Amino acid sequence: MTDVTAAANGVTARYSVTDSERVLEFDRDGRTAAVAQNIDGYAMLKVRPTVDGDELERYYGFDMALDHAAELLGVSPHDLPVPEDAADMGM
């Protein structure tokens, strides 16, 4: 399992790879959002309120998924730190 963190603008990001997914989880003052993609890296991105939460929406593009995650956290998408290992998520 890979586990990388980054922090900026009051937001902490944690990127991890499990047996089935690549997951980018964000936390800001107790509010969370997660963006997940299958391990093969070709499926749509799923946005969830938490890593294990129910899927809220699916997106082809990483930018759109980040927009939704930022909305859940109450910040601008530009405020989200994205670890380098997660920068290639999306189709």
Protein backbone atom coordinates (compact mmCIF):
# COMPACT_ATOMS: atom_id res chain seq x y z
CA MET A 1 0.00 0.00 0.00
CA THR A 2 1.28 3.43 -0.95
CA ASP A 3 0.59 6.28 1.46
CA VAL A 4 1.60 9.88 0.71
CA THR A 5 0.39 13.07 2.41
CA ALA A 6 0.46 16.75 1.55
CA ALA A 7 -0.93 19.83 3.30
CA ALA A 8 -1.67 23.39 2.22
CA ASN A 9 -4.25 26.09 2.88
CA GLY A 10 -5.66 24.29 5.92
CA VAL A 11 -6.36 21.12 3.91
CA THR A 12 -4.57 17.79 4.38
CA ALA A 13 -4.51 15.30 1.51
CA ARG A 14 -3.69 11.62 1.83
CA TYR A 15 -3.11 9.51 -1.26
CA SER A 16 -3.16 5.74 -0.88
CA VAL A 17 -3.32 2.67 -3.06
CA THR A 18 -5.23 -0.38 -1.87
CA ASP A 19 -5.73 -3.75 -3.54
CA SER A 20 -8.65 -2.34 -5.53
CA GLU A 21 -8.44 1.48 -5.63
CA ARG A 22 -6.33 4.58 -5.80
CA VAL A 23 -7.76 6.99 -3.21
CA LEU A 24 -7.15 10.69 -2.59
CA GLU A 25 -8.71 11.75 0.71
CA PHE A 26 -9.00 15.36 1.87
CA ASP A 27 -9.59 16.66 5.39
CA ARG A 28 -10.29 20.22 6.47
CA ASP A 29 -11.35 20.96 10.05
CA GLY A 30 -13.10 17.60 10.34
CA ARG A 31 -14.85 17.84 6.96
CA THR A 32 -13.78 15.15 4.52
CA ALA A 33 -14.02 14.26 0.85
CA ALA A 34 -12.51 11.41 -1.13
CA VAL A 35 -11.77 10.82 -4.80
CA ALA A 36 -11.31 7.19 -5.82
CA GLN A 37 -10.37 5.37 -9.02
CA ASN A 38 -10.00 1.67 -9.71
CA ILE A 39 -6.49 0.27 -9.40
CA ASP A 40 -6.13 -0.07 -13.18
CA GLY A 41 -6.54 3.70 -13.52
CA TYR A 42 -8.92 3.75 -16.46
CA ALA A 43 -12.35 4.04 -14.81
CA MET A 44 -14.27 7.16 -13.89
CA LEU A 45 -13.40 8.90 -10.63
CA LYS A 46 -15.83 8.48 -7.75
CA VAL A 47 -16.38 11.29 -5.28
CA ARG A 48 -17.44 10.26 -1.78
CA PRO A 49 -17.93 12.16 1.48
CA THR A 50 -15.46 9.75 3.14
CA VAL A 51 -13.14 6.98 1.94
CA ASP A 52 -15.72 4.32 2.80
CA GLY A 53 -18.80 6.48 2.15
CA ASP A 54 -21.39 6.08 -0.57
CA GLU A 55 -20.53 7.42 -3.99
CA LEU A 56 -21.97 10.89 -4.60
CA GLU A 57 -20.98 11.36 -8.25
CA ARG A 58 -18.67 10.06 -10.99
CA TYR A 59 -16.44 12.14 -13.24
CA TYR A 60 -14.17 11.47 -16.21
CA GLY A 61 -11.88 14.37 -15.41
CA PHE A 62 -9.75 14.89 -12.33
CA ASP A 63 -10.48 18.64 -12.33
CA MET A 64 -14.24 18.05 -12.06
CA ALA A 65 -13.75 15.54 -9.24
CA LEU A 66 -11.52 18.04 -7.40
CA ASP A 67 -14.17 20.75 -7.87
CA HIS A 68 -16.74 18.53 -6.17
CA ALA A 69 -14.34 17.56 -3.36
CA ALA A 70 -13.53 21.23 -2.76
CA GLU A 71 -17.24 22.03 -2.60
CA LEU A 72 -17.71 19.36 0.09
CA LEU A 73 -14.88 20.96 2.09
CA GLY A 74 -16.01 24.55 1.53
CA VAL A 75 -12.79 25.65 -0.21
CA SER A 76 -11.62 26.60 -3.68
CA PRO A 77 -10.34 23.72 -5.83
CA HIS A 78 -7.06 25.65 -6.05
CA ASP A 79 -6.67 25.25 -2.27
CA LEU A 80 -6.52 21.45 -2.47
CA PRO A 81 -3.03 20.00 -2.16
CA VAL A 82 -2.54 17.09 -4.57
CA PRO A 83 0.40 14.77 -3.87
CA GLU A 84 2.48 14.16 -7.00
CA ASP A 85 1.60 10.44 -6.99
CA ALA A 86 -2.09 11.35 -7.42
CA ALA A 87 -1.65 13.98 -10.16
CA ASP A 88 -2.40 11.51 -12.98
CA MET A 89 -5.80 10.37 -11.70
CA GLY A 90 -8.70 10.62 -14.15
CA MET A 91 -9.13 9.63 -17.76
